[in-house]
PDB file of N, CA and C in Angstrom:
ATOM      1  N   MET A   1       0.637  -1.067  -0.022  1.00  0.00           N
ATOM      2  CA  MET A   1       0.005   0.130  -0.080  1.00  0.00           C
ATOM      3  C   MET A   1       0.955   1.085  -0.151  1.00  0.00           C
ATOM      4  N   VAL A   2       0.591   2.217  -0.682  1.00  0.00           N
ATOM      5  CA  VAL A   2       1.034   3.338  -0.772  1.00  0.00           C
ATOM      6  C   VAL A   2       0.581   4.309   0.049  1.00  0.00           C
ATOM      7  N   LEU A   3       1.655   5.024   0.785  1.00  0.00           N
ATOM      8  CA  LEU A   3       1.236   6.128   1.879  1.00  0.00           C
ATOM      9  C   LEU A   3       0.980   7.612   1.141  1.00  0.00           C
ATOM     10  N   SER A   4      -0.415   7.921   1.594  1.00  0.00           N
ATOM     11  CA  SER A   4      -0.819   9.177   1.154  1.00  0.00           C
ATOM     12  C   SER A   4      -0.090  10.224   1.800  1.00  0.00           C
ATOM     13  N   VAL A   5       0.277  11.317   1.281  1.00  0.00           N
ATOM     14  CA  VAL A   5       0.915  12.391   2.010  1.00  0.00           C
ATOM     15  C   VAL A   5       0.235  13.535   1.262  1.00  0.00           C
ATOM     16  N   ASN A   6       0.221  14.705   2.480  1.00  0.00           N
ATOM     17  CA  ASN A   6      -0.457  16.037   1.846  1.00  0.00           C
ATOM     18  C   ASN A   6       0.527  17.192   2.471  1.00  0.00           C
ATOM     19  N   GLU A   7       0.012  18.309   2.607  1.00  0.00           N
ATOM     20  CA  GLU A   7       1.078  19.542   2.848  1.00  0.00           C
ATOM     21  C   GLU A   7       1.113  19.476   4.388  1.00  0.00           C
ATOM     22  N   ARG A   8       0.397  18.997   5.153  1.00  0.00           N
ATOM     23  CA  ARG A   8       0.767  18.960   6.761  1.00  0.00           C
ATOM     24  C   ARG A   8       1.524  17.707   7.081  1.00  0.00           C
ATOM     25  N   THR A   9       1.473  16.660   6.093  1.00  0.00           N
ATOM     26  CA  THR A   9       2.561  15.483   6.556  1.00  0.00           C
ATOM     27  C   THR A   9       4.097  15.466   5.654  1.00  0.00           C
ATOM     28  N   PHE A  10       4.048  16.418   4.665  1.00  0.00           N
ATOM     29  CA  PHE A  10       5.089  16.244   3.753  1.00  0.00           C
ATOM     30  C   PHE A  10       6.281  16.441   4.698  1.00  0.00           C
ATOM     31  N   LYS A  11       6.539  17.396   5.185  1.00  0.00           N
ATOM     32  CA  LYS A  11       7.978  17.385   5.990  1.00  0.00           C
ATOM     33  C   LYS A  11       8.328  16.406   6.686  1.00  0.00           C
ATOM     34  N   GLN A  12       7.490  15.847   7.546  1.00  0.00           N
ATOM     35  CA  GLN A  12       7.661  14.571   8.236  1.00  0.00           C
ATOM     36  C   GLN A  12       7.964  13.341   7.561  1.00  0.00           C
ATOM     37  N   GLU A  13       7.266  12.906   6.532  1.00  0.00           N
ATOM     38  CA  GLU A  13       7.353  11.748   5.622  1.00  0.00           C
ATOM     39  C   GLU A  13       8.305  11.759   4.643  1.00  0.00           C
ATOM     40  N   VAL A  14       8.573  12.996   4.015  1.00  0.00           N
ATOM     41  CA  VAL A  14       9.416  13.283   2.770  1.00  0.00           C
ATOM     42  C   VAL A  14      10.795  13.712   3.247  1.00  0.00           C
ATOM     43  N   LEU A  15      10.793  14.867   3.644  1.00  0.00           N
ATOM     44  CA  LEU A  15      12.027  15.597   4.038  1.00  0.00           C
ATOM     45  C   LEU A  15      12.699  15.176   4.941  1.00  0.00           C
ATOM     46  N   GLU A  16      12.059  14.696   5.994  1.00  0.00           N
ATOM     47  CA  GLU A  16      12.719  14.325   7.397  1.00  0.00           C
ATOM     48  C   GLU A  16      13.172  12.769   7.304  1.00  0.00           C
ATOM     49  N   SER A  17      12.662  12.055   6.262  1.00  0.00           N
ATOM     50  CA  SER A  17      12.823  10.522   6.242  1.00  0.00           C
ATOM     51  C   SER A  17      14.336  10.250   6.218  1.00  0.00           C
ATOM     52  N   SER A  18      14.675   9.178   6.780  1.00  0.00           N
ATOM     53  CA  SER A  18      16.096   8.497   6.885  1.00  0.00           C
ATOM     54  C   SER A  18      16.498   7.845   5.589  1.00  0.00           C
ATOM     55  N   THR A  19      15.440   7.405   4.859  1.00  0.00           N
ATOM     56  CA  THR A  19      15.516   6.478   3.614  1.00  0.00           C
ATOM     57  C   THR A  19      14.974   7.357   2.585  1.00  0.00           C
ATOM     58  N   PRO A  20      15.588   7.129   1.254  1.00  0.00           N
ATOM     59  CA  PRO A  20      14.955   7.829   0.191  1.00  0.00           C
ATOM     60  C   PRO A  20      13.598   7.501  -0.046  1.00  0.00           C
ATOM     61  N   VAL A  21      12.941   8.947  -0.535  1.00  0.00           N
ATOM     62  CA  VAL A  21      11.376   8.945  -0.836  1.00  0.00           C
ATOM     63  C   VAL A  21      11.195   8.954  -2.141  1.00  0.00           C
ATOM     64  N   LEU A  22      10.196   8.307  -2.619  1.00  0.00           N
ATOM     65  CA  LEU A  22       9.719   8.657  -4.193  1.00  0.00           C
ATOM     66  C   LEU A  22       8.551   9.004  -3.927  1.00  0.00           C
ATOM     67  N   VAL A  23       8.486  10.446  -4.559  1.00  0.00           N
ATOM     68  CA  VAL A  23       6.903  10.925  -4.381  1.00  0.00           C
ATOM     69  C   VAL A  23       6.408  11.140  -5.597  1.00  0.00           C
ATOM     70  N   HIS A  24       5.043  10.472  -5.629  1.00  0.00           N
ATOM     71  CA  HIS A  24       4.199  10.093  -6.999  1.00  0.00           C
ATOM     72  C   HIS A  24       3.143  11.404  -6.960  1.00  0.00           C
ATOM     73  N   PHE A  25       3.183  12.460  -7.609  1.00  0.00           N
ATOM     74  CA  PHE A  25       2.361  13.477  -7.657  1.00  0.00           C
ATOM     75  C   PHE A  25       1.468  13.130  -8.474  1.00  0.00           C
ATOM     76  N   TRP A  26       0.049  12.699  -8.549  1.00  0.00           N
ATOM     77  CA  TRP A  26      -1.198  12.511  -9.228  1.00  0.00           C
ATOM     78  C   TRP A  26      -2.164  13.486  -9.023  1.00  0.00           C
ATOM     79  N   ALA A  27      -3.469  13.091 -10.035  1.00  0.00           N
ATOM     80  CA  ALA A  27      -4.725  13.618  -9.793  1.00  0.00           C
ATOM     81  C   ALA A  27      -5.620  12.719 -10.283  1.00  0.00           C
ATOM     82  N   PRO A  28      -6.783  12.678  -9.516  1.00  0.00           N
ATOM     83  CA  PRO A  28      -7.873  11.799  -9.975  1.00  0.00           C
ATOM     84  C   PRO A  28      -8.163  11.743 -11.410  1.00  0.00           C
ATOM     85  N   TRP A  29      -8.235  12.786 -11.988  1.00  0.00           N
ATOM     86  CA  TRP A  29      -8.464  12.876 -13.440  1.00  0.00           C
ATOM     87  C   TRP A  29      -7.471  12.563 -14.309  1.00  0.00           C
ATOM     88  N   CYS A  30      -6.315  11.905 -14.219  1.00  0.00           N
ATOM     89  CA  CYS A  30      -5.018  11.827 -14.762  1.00  0.00           C
ATOM     90  C   CYS A  30      -5.076  10.214 -15.013  1.00  0.00           C
ATOM     91  N   GLY A  31      -5.366   9.871 -16.232  1.00  0.00           N
ATOM     92  CA  GLY A  31      -5.446   8.499 -16.597  1.00  0.00           C
ATOM     93  C   GLY A  31      -3.930   7.634 -16.645  1.00  0.00           C
ATOM     94  N   LEU A  32      -3.217   8.507 -17.024  1.00  0.00           N
ATOM     95  CA  LEU A  32      -1.542   7.774 -16.922  1.00  0.00           C
ATOM     96  C   LEU A  32      -1.129   7.622 -15.407  1.00  0.00           C
ATOM     97  N   CYS A  33      -1.690   8.485 -14.596  1.00  0.00           N
ATOM     98  CA  CYS A  33      -1.273   8.242 -13.084  1.00  0.00           C
ATOM     99  C   CYS A  33      -1.740   6.925 -12.689  1.00  0.00           C
ATOM    100  N   ARG A  34      -3.104   6.522 -12.771  1.00  0.00           N
ATOM    101  CA  ARG A  34      -3.753   5.226 -12.466  1.00  0.00           C
ATOM    102  C   ARG A  34      -3.155   4.156 -13.351  1.00  0.00           C
ATOM    103  N   LEU A  35      -2.370   4.672 -14.548  1.00  0.00           N
ATOM    104  CA  LEU A  35      -1.993   3.325 -15.195  1.00  0.00           C
ATOM    105  C   LEU A  35      -0.740   2.870 -14.620  1.00  0.00           C
ATOM    106  N   ILE A  36       0.159   3.985 -14.080  1.00  0.00           N
ATOM    107  CA  ILE A  36       1.419   3.485 -13.598  1.00  0.00           C
ATOM    108  C   ILE A  36       1.599   3.109 -12.149  1.00  0.00           C
ATOM    109  N   SER A  37       0.224   3.173 -11.323  1.00  0.00           N
ATOM    110  CA  SER A  37       0.083   2.765 -10.444  1.00  0.00           C
ATOM    111  C   SER A  37       0.948   1.330  -9.833  1.00  0.00           C
ATOM    112  N   PRO A  38       0.233   0.517 -10.536  1.00  0.00           N
ATOM    113  CA  PRO A  38       0.745  -1.163 -10.302  1.00  0.00           C
ATOM    114  C   PRO A  38       2.077  -1.002 -10.582  1.00  0.00           C
ATOM    115  N   ILE A  39       2.995  -0.436 -11.444  1.00  0.00           N
ATOM    116  CA  ILE A  39       4.348  -0.277 -11.528  1.00  0.00           C
ATOM    117  C   ILE A  39       4.967   0.275 -10.387  1.00  0.00           C
ATOM    118  N   LEU A  40       4.220   1.339  -9.738  1.00  0.00           N
ATOM    119  CA  LEU A  40       4.981   1.916  -8.598  1.00  0.00           C
ATOM    120  C   LEU A  40       4.873   1.148  -7.480  1.00  0.00           C
ATOM    121  N   ILE A  41       3.650   0.430  -7.312  1.00  0.00           N
ATOM    122  CA  ILE A  41       3.482  -0.806  -6.128  1.00  0.00           C
ATOM    123  C   ILE A  41       4.597  -1.793  -6.212  1.00  0.00           C
ATOM    124  N   ARG A  42       4.887  -2.238  -7.355  1.00  0.00           N
ATOM    125  CA  ARG A  42       5.748  -3.334  -7.707  1.00  0.00           C
ATOM    126  C   ARG A  42       7.289  -2.805  -7.310  1.00  0.00           C
ATOM    127  N   PHE A  43       7.459  -1.700  -7.772  1.00  0.00           N
ATOM    128  CA  PHE A  43       8.647  -0.976  -7.563  1.00  0.00           C
ATOM    129  C   PHE A  43       8.948  -1.029  -6.042  1.00  0.00           C
ATOM    130  N   GLN A  44       7.966  -0.691  -5.240  1.00  0.00           N
ATOM    131  CA  GLN A  44       8.090  -0.478  -3.818  1.00  0.00           C
ATOM    132  C   GLN A  44       8.279  -1.999  -3.061  1.00  0.00           C
ATOM    133  N   ALA A  45       7.504  -2.822  -3.662  1.00  0.00           N
ATOM    134  CA  ALA A  45       7.716  -4.087  -3.196  1.00  0.00           C
ATOM    135  C   ALA A  45       9.185  -4.737  -3.399  1.00  0.00           C
ATOM    136  N   GLU A  46       9.815  -4.337  -4.571  1.00  0.00           N
ATOM    137  CA  GLU A  46      11.018  -4.732  -4.960  1.00  0.00           C
ATOM    138  C   GLU A  46      12.176  -4.088  -4.254  1.00  0.00           C
ATOM    139  N   SER A  47      11.856  -2.724  -3.731  1.00  0.00           N
ATOM    140  CA  SER A  47      12.959  -1.926  -3.105  1.00  0.00           C
ATOM    141  C   SER A  47      12.825  -2.133  -1.794  1.00  0.00           C
ATOM    142  N   GLY A  48      11.958  -2.697  -1.257  1.00  0.00           N
ATOM    143  CA  GLY A  48      12.046  -3.249   0.147  1.00  0.00           C
ATOM    144  C   GLY A  48      12.032  -1.884   1.088  1.00  0.00           C
ATOM    145  N   GLN A  49      13.030  -2.030   1.998  1.00  0.00           N
ATOM    146  CA  GLN A  49      13.023  -0.750   2.940  1.00  0.00           C
ATOM    147  C   GLN A  49      14.319   0.156   2.295  1.00  0.00           C
ATOM    148  N   ASN A  50      14.754   0.049   1.006  1.00  0.00           N
ATOM    149  CA  ASN A  50      15.688   1.034   0.332  1.00  0.00           C
ATOM    150  C   ASN A  50      15.192   2.538   0.150  1.00  0.00           C
ATOM    151  N   VAL A  51      13.726   2.195  -0.333  1.00  0.00           N
ATOM    152  CA  VAL A  51      12.986   3.550  -0.881  1.00  0.00           C
ATOM    153  C   VAL A  51      11.481   3.532  -0.536  1.00  0.00           C
ATOM    154  N   LYS A  52      11.174   4.394   0.246  1.00  0.00           N
ATOM    155  CA  LYS A  52       9.691   4.699   0.731  1.00  0.00           C
ATOM    156  C   LYS A  52       8.998   5.224  -0.453  1.00  0.00           C
ATOM    157  N   LEU A  53       7.884   4.846  -0.859  1.00  0.00           N
ATOM    158  CA  LEU A  53       6.785   5.335  -1.866  1.00  0.00           C
ATOM    159  C   LEU A  53       5.670   6.069  -1.377  1.00  0.00           C
ATOM    160  N   VAL A  54       5.570   7.203  -1.612  1.00  0.00           N
ATOM    161  CA  VAL A  54       4.257   8.149  -1.027  1.00  0.00           C
ATOM    162  C   VAL A  54       3.752   8.588  -2.594  1.00  0.00           C
ATOM    163  N   SER A  55       2.609   8.903  -1.842  1.00  0.00           N
ATOM    164  CA  SER A  55       1.656   9.727  -3.099  1.00  0.00           C
ATOM    165  C   SER A  55       1.142  11.067  -2.593  1.00  0.00           C
ATOM    166  N   ILE A  56       0.765  11.998  -3.460  1.00  0.00           N
ATOM    167  CA  ILE A  56       0.198  13.234  -3.448  1.00  0.00           C
ATOM    168  C   ILE A  56      -0.704  13.655  -4.389  1.00  0.00           C
ATOM    169  N   ASN A  57      -2.035  13.824  -3.965  1.00  0.00           N
ATOM    170  CA  ASN A  57      -2.943  14.316  -4.985  1.00  0.00           C
ATOM    171  C   ASN A  57      -2.394  15.769  -5.005  1.00  0.00           C
ATOM    172  N   ALA A  58      -1.994  16.209  -6.331  1.00  0.00           N
ATOM    173  CA  ALA A  58      -1.702  17.535  -6.563  1.00  0.00           C
ATOM    174  C   ALA A  58      -2.676  18.535  -6.528  1.00  0.00           C
ATOM    175  N   ASP A  59      -4.102  18.156  -6.847  1.00  0.00           N
ATOM    176  CA  ASP A  59      -5.333  18.900  -6.932  1.00  0.00           C
ATOM    177  C   ASP A  59      -5.468  19.382  -5.570  1.00  0.00           C
ATOM    178  N   GLU A  60      -5.236  18.480  -4.555  1.00  0.00           N
ATOM    179  CA  GLU A  60      -5.389  18.817  -3.040  1.00  0.00           C
ATOM    180  C   GLU A  60      -4.177  19.626  -2.291  1.00  0.00           C
ATOM    181  N   SER A  61      -3.018  19.348  -3.022  1.00  0.00           N
ATOM    182  CA  SER A  61      -2.017  19.864  -2.457  1.00  0.00           C
ATOM    183  C   SER A  61      -1.102  20.792  -3.636  1.00  0.00           C
ATOM    184  N   LEU A  62      -1.911  22.043  -3.761  1.00  0.00           N
ATOM    185  CA  LEU A  62      -1.369  22.915  -4.543  1.00  0.00           C
ATOM    186  C   LEU A  62      -0.089  23.901  -4.033  1.00  0.00           C
ATOM    187  N   LYS A  63       0.174  23.843  -2.696  1.00  0.00           N
ATOM    188  CA  LYS A  63       1.261  24.436  -2.421  1.00  0.00           C
ATOM    189  C   LYS A  63       2.471  23.555  -2.770  1.00  0.00           C
ATOM    190  N   LEU A  64       2.273  22.557  -2.568  1.00  0.00           N
ATOM    191  CA  LEU A  64       3.585  21.449  -2.995  1.00  0.00           C
ATOM    192  C   LEU A  64       3.526  21.493  -4.419  1.00  0.00           C
ATOM    193  N   ALA A  65       2.688  21.236  -5.152  1.00  0.00           N
ATOM    194  CA  ALA A  65       2.507  21.427  -6.790  1.00  0.00           C
ATOM    195  C   ALA A  65       3.364  22.653  -7.179  1.00  0.00           C
ATOM    196  N   ASN A  66       2.896  23.790  -6.573  1.00  0.00           N
ATOM    197  CA  ASN A  66       3.727  25.011  -7.017  1.00  0.00           C
ATOM    198  C   ASN A  66       5.199  24.917  -6.569  1.00  0.00           C
ATOM    199  N   THR A  67       5.400  24.426  -5.298  1.00  0.00           N
ATOM    200  CA  THR A  67       6.921  24.418  -4.702  1.00  0.00           C
ATOM    201  C   THR A  67       7.829  23.701  -5.817  1.00  0.00           C
ATOM    202  N   TYR A  68       7.171  22.468  -6.176  1.00  0.00           N
ATOM    203  CA  TYR A  68       8.031  21.559  -7.066  1.00  0.00           C
ATOM    204  C   TYR A  68       7.608  21.781  -8.463  1.00  0.00           C
ATOM    205  N   ARG A  69       7.295  22.904  -8.738  1.00  0.00           N
ATOM    206  CA  ARG A  69       6.931  23.362 -10.088  1.00  0.00           C
ATOM    207  C   ARG A  69       6.363  22.278 -11.222  1.00  0.00           C
ATOM    208  N   LEU A  70       5.330  21.729 -10.498  1.00  0.00           N
ATOM    209  CA  LEU A  70       4.708  20.586 -11.667  1.00  0.00           C
ATOM    210  C   LEU A  70       4.295  21.294 -12.905  1.00  0.00           C
ATOM    211  N   THR A  71       4.689  20.856 -14.058  1.00  0.00           N
ATOM    212  CA  THR A  71       3.793  21.226 -15.114  1.00  0.00           C
ATOM    213  C   THR A  71       3.130  20.135 -15.849  1.00  0.00           C
ATOM    214  N   THR A  72       3.278  18.758 -15.470  1.00  0.00           N
ATOM    215  CA  THR A  72       2.672  17.706 -16.077  1.00  0.00           C
ATOM    216  C   THR A  72       2.436  16.606 -14.944  1.00  0.00           C
ATOM    217  N   LEU A  73       1.374  15.617 -15.344  1.00  0.00           N
ATOM    218  CA  LEU A  73       1.100  14.628 -14.221  1.00  0.00           C
ATOM    219  C   LEU A  73       1.129  13.596 -15.122  1.00  0.00           C
ATOM    220  N   PRO A  74       1.642  12.315 -14.450  1.00  0.00           N
ATOM    221  CA  PRO A  74       2.265  11.976 -13.293  1.00  0.00           C
ATOM    222  C   PRO A  74       3.504  12.614 -13.164  1.00  0.00           C
ATOM    223  N   THR A  75       4.165  13.291 -12.198  1.00  0.00           N
ATOM    224  CA  THR A  75       5.466  13.794 -11.998  1.00  0.00           C
ATOM    225  C   THR A  75       6.025  12.772 -10.739  1.00  0.00           C
ATOM    226  N   LEU A  76       7.034  11.980 -10.687  1.00  0.00           N
ATOM    227  CA  LEU A  76       7.644  11.326  -9.704  1.00  0.00           C
ATOM    228  C   LEU A  76       9.035  12.049  -9.469  1.00  0.00           C
ATOM    229  N   ILE A  77       9.369  12.441  -8.201  1.00  0.00           N
ATOM    230  CA  ILE A  77      10.526  13.179  -7.700  1.00  0.00           C
ATOM    231  C   ILE A  77      11.051  12.206  -6.539  1.00  0.00           C
ATOM    232  N   LEU A  78      12.277  12.046  -6.744  1.00  0.00           N
ATOM    233  CA  LEU A  78      13.185  11.128  -5.604  1.00  0.00           C
ATOM    234  C   LEU A  78      13.979  12.121  -4.835  1.00  0.00           C
ATOM    235  N   PHE A  79      13.548  11.884  -3.343  1.00  0.00           N
ATOM    236  CA  PHE A  79      14.200  12.874  -2.296  1.00  0.00           C
ATOM    237  C   PHE A  79      15.157  11.929  -1.566  1.00  0.00           C
ATOM    238  N   GLU A  80      16.230  12.542  -1.108  1.00  0.00           N
ATOM    239  CA  GLU A  80      17.049  11.786  -0.338  1.00  0.00           C
ATOM    240  C   GLU A  80      17.783  13.035   0.440  1.00  0.00           C
ATOM    241  N   HIS A  81      17.703  12.655   1.848  1.00  0.00           N
ATOM    242  CA  HIS A  81      18.031  13.659   2.824  1.00  0.00           C
ATOM    243  C   HIS A  81      17.364  14.993   2.844  1.00  0.00           C
ATOM    244  N   GLY A  82      15.857  15.099   2.112  1.00  0.00           N
ATOM    245  CA  GLY A  82      15.460  16.134   1.907  1.00  0.00           C
ATOM    246  C   GLY A  82      15.613  17.047   0.779  1.00  0.00           C
ATOM    247  N   GLN A  83      16.519  16.603  -0.115  1.00  0.00           N
ATOM    248  CA  GLN A  83      16.679  16.970  -1.151  1.00  0.00           C
ATOM    249  C   GLN A  83      16.263  16.474  -2.541  1.00  0.00           C
ATOM    250  N   VAL A  84      15.953  17.110  -3.665  1.00  0.00           N
ATOM    251  CA  VAL A  84      15.576  16.289  -4.741  1.00  0.00           C
ATOM    252  C   VAL A  84      16.944  15.867  -5.398  1.00  0.00           C
ATOM    253  N   VAL A  85      16.872  14.669  -5.688  1.00  0.00           N
ATOM    254  CA  VAL A  85      17.820  14.036  -6.669  1.00  0.00           C
ATOM    255  C   VAL A  85      17.535  13.481  -7.954  1.00  0.00           C
ATOM    256  N   HIS A  86      16.346  13.053  -7.848  1.00  0.00           N
ATOM    257  CA  HIS A  86      16.096  12.789  -9.315  1.00  0.00           C
ATOM    258  C   HIS A  86      14.377  13.305  -9.636  1.00  0.00           C
ATOM    259  N   ARG A  87      14.253  13.375 -11.064  1.00  0.00           N
ATOM    260  CA  ARG A  87      12.746  14.141 -11.318  1.00  0.00           C
ATOM    261  C   ARG A  87      12.448  13.199 -12.743  1.00  0.00           C
ATOM    262  N   LEU A  88      11.364  12.525 -12.609  1.00  0.00           N
ATOM    263  CA  LEU A  88      10.468  12.005 -13.666  1.00  0.00           C
ATOM    264  C   LEU A  88       9.385  12.365 -14.217  1.00  0.00           C
ATOM    265  N   GLU A  89       9.470  13.034 -15.346  1.00  0.00           N
ATOM    266  CA  GLU A  89       8.163  13.596 -15.796  1.00  0.00           C
ATOM    267  C   GLU A  89       7.989  13.444 -17.339  1.00  0.00           C
ATOM    268  N   GLY A  90       7.237  13.316 -18.136  1.00  0.00           N
ATOM    269  CA  GLY A  90       7.034  13.328 -19.522  1.00  0.00           C
ATOM    270  C   GLY A  90       7.161  12.023 -20.097  1.00  0.00           C
ATOM    271  N   PHE A  91       7.064  10.897 -19.326  1.00  0.00           N
ATOM    272  CA  PHE A  91       7.570   9.615 -19.861  1.00  0.00           C
ATOM    273  C   PHE A  91       6.227   9.263 -20.663  1.00  0.00           C
ATOM    274  N   HIS A  92       6.259   8.592 -21.543  1.00  0.00           N
ATOM    275  CA  HIS A  92       5.373   8.111 -22.383  1.00  0.00           C
ATOM    276  C   HIS A  92       4.811   6.447 -22.321  1.00  0.00           C
ATOM    277  N   GLY A  93       4.467   6.230 -20.873  1.00  0.00           N
ATOM    278  CA  GLY A  93       3.952   4.843 -20.738  1.00  0.00           C
ATOM    279  C   GLY A  93       4.595   3.998 -20.042  1.00  0.00           C
ATOM    280  N   ARG A  94       4.223   2.521 -19.747  1.00  0.00           N
ATOM    281  CA  ARG A  94       4.982   1.647 -18.928  1.00  0.00           C
ATOM    282  C   ARG A  94       6.340   1.596 -19.101  1.00  0.00           C
ATOM    283  N   ASP A  95       6.777   1.088 -20.211  1.00  0.00           N
ATOM    284  CA  ASP A  95       8.174   0.832 -20.569  1.00  0.00           C
ATOM    285  C   ASP A  95       9.051   1.884 -20.232  1.00  0.00           C
ATOM    286  N   ASP A  96       8.843   3.054 -20.543  1.00  0.00           N
ATOM    287  CA  ASP A  96       9.569   4.525 -20.187  1.00  0.00           C
ATOM    288  C   ASP A  96       9.556   4.240 -18.764  1.00  0.00           C
ATOM    289  N   LEU A  97       8.701   4.377 -17.948  1.00  0.00           N
ATOM    290  CA  LEU A  97       8.738   4.576 -16.447  1.00  0.00           C
ATOM    291  C   LEU A  97       9.592   3.393 -16.031  1.00  0.00           C
ATOM    292  N   GLN A  98       9.068   2.189 -16.357  1.00  0.00           N
ATOM    293  CA  GLN A  98       9.998   1.141 -15.911  1.00  0.00           C
ATOM    294  C   GLN A  98      11.661   1.264 -15.979  1.00  0.00           C
ATOM    295  N   LYS A  99      12.210   1.639 -17.179  1.00  0.00           N
ATOM    296  CA  LYS A  99      13.412   2.051 -17.455  1.00  0.00           C
ATOM    297  C   LYS A  99      13.746   2.905 -16.526  1.00  0.00           C
ATOM    298  N   ALA A 100      13.250   4.043 -16.302  1.00  0.00           N
ATOM    299  CA  ALA A 100      13.621   5.165 -15.692  1.00  0.00           C
ATOM    300  C   ALA A 100      13.799   4.800 -14.090  1.00  0.00           C
ATOM    301  N   ILE A 101      12.872   4.062 -13.813  1.00  0.00           N
ATOM    302  CA  ILE A 101      12.751   3.646 -12.430  1.00  0.00           C
ATOM    303  C   ILE A 101      13.999   2.867 -12.050  1.00  0.00           C
ATOM    304  N   LYS A 102      14.266   1.797 -13.002  1.00  0.00           N
ATOM    305  CA  LYS A 102      15.437   0.904 -13.025  1.00  0.00           C
ATOM    306  C   LYS A 102      16.870   1.786 -12.776  1.00  0.00           C
ATOM    307  N   LYS A 103      16.913   2.807 -13.537  1.00  0.00           N
ATOM    308  CA  LYS A 103      18.075   3.668 -13.619  1.00  0.00           C
ATOM    309  C   LYS A 103      18.113   4.121 -12.306  1.00  0.00           C
ATOM    310  N   MET A 104      17.056   4.735 -11.950  1.00  0.00           N
ATOM    311  CA  MET A 104      16.984   5.512 -10.757  1.00  0.00           C
ATOM    312  C   MET A 104      17.348   4.836  -9.453  1.00  0.00           C
ATOM    313  N   MET A 105      16.713   3.546  -9.559  1.00  0.00           N
ATOM    314  CA  MET A 105      17.032   2.799  -8.358  1.00  0.00           C
ATOM    315  C   MET A 105      18.433   2.129  -7.903  1.00  0.00           C
ATOM    316  N   LEU A 106      19.059   1.911  -9.464  1.00  0.00           N
ATOM    317  CA  LEU A 106      20.551   1.631  -9.373  1.00  0.00           C
ATOM    318  C   LEU A 106      21.508   2.832  -8.783  1.00  0.00           C
ATOM    319  N   SER A 107      21.044   4.063  -9.174  1.00  0.00           N
ATOM    320  CA  SER A 107      21.830   5.298  -8.911  1.00  0.00           C
ATOM    321  C   SER A 107      21.787   5.333  -7.428  1.00  0.00           C
ATOM    322  N   THR A 108      20.549   5.242  -6.839  1.00  0.00           N
ATOM    323  CA  THR A 108      20.253   5.370  -5.410  1.00  0.00           C
ATOM    324  C   THR A 108      20.833   4.285  -4.390  1.00  0.00           C
ATOM    325  N   LEU A 109      20.673   2.870  -5.065  1.00  0.00           N
ATOM    326  CA  LEU A 109      21.297   1.802  -4.248  1.00  0.00           C
ATOM    327  C   LEU A 109      23.058   2.294  -4.268  1.00  0.00           C
ATOM    328  N   VAL A 110      23.511   2.641  -5.138  1.00  0.00           N
ATOM    329  CA  VAL A 110      24.780   3.058  -5.189  1.00  0.00           C
ATOM    330  C   VAL A 110      25.323   4.247  -4.312  1.00  0.00           C
ATOM    331  N   THR A 111      24.407   5.202  -4.090  1.00  0.00           N
ATOM    332  CA  THR A 111      24.724   6.356  -3.379  1.00  0.00           C
ATOM    333  C   THR A 111      24.573   5.873  -1.859  1.00  0.00           C
ATOM    334  N   THR A 112      23.505   4.972  -1.515  1.00  0.00           N
ATOM    335  CA  THR A 112      23.128   4.661  -0.176  1.00  0.00           C
ATOM    336  C   THR A 112      24.291   3.705   0.296  1.00  0.00           C
ATOM    337  N   VAL A 113      25.088   2.917  -0.470  1.00  0.00           N
ATOM    338  CA  VAL A 113      25.642   1.610   0.110  1.00  0.00           C
ATOM    339  C   VAL A 113      27.101   2.133   0.575  1.00  0.00           C
TER     340      VAL A 113
END
């Protein structure tokens, strides 16, 4: 299950997390957002305790959407120690996303080991 985060819980769950956090910005009207959810859940299962996955409804968290300058949904942002280290946006489906996540995961594992 993916943890749902909002403006109130963002600092504690993302910025202050001791493990890397992959944030999935989405909206209920976004078809691609729903399409990639199973891929993200599988990613979370495969990464175990190495990466925490959270989701943020961009429509309900406009302050965060503006802070991170979202221009398209879905947008995935990987945080480590409160800093943005990777940003994924503009992918064109499942295959692009899976490749990008694998690449991102490899670089995260290298920096955390």
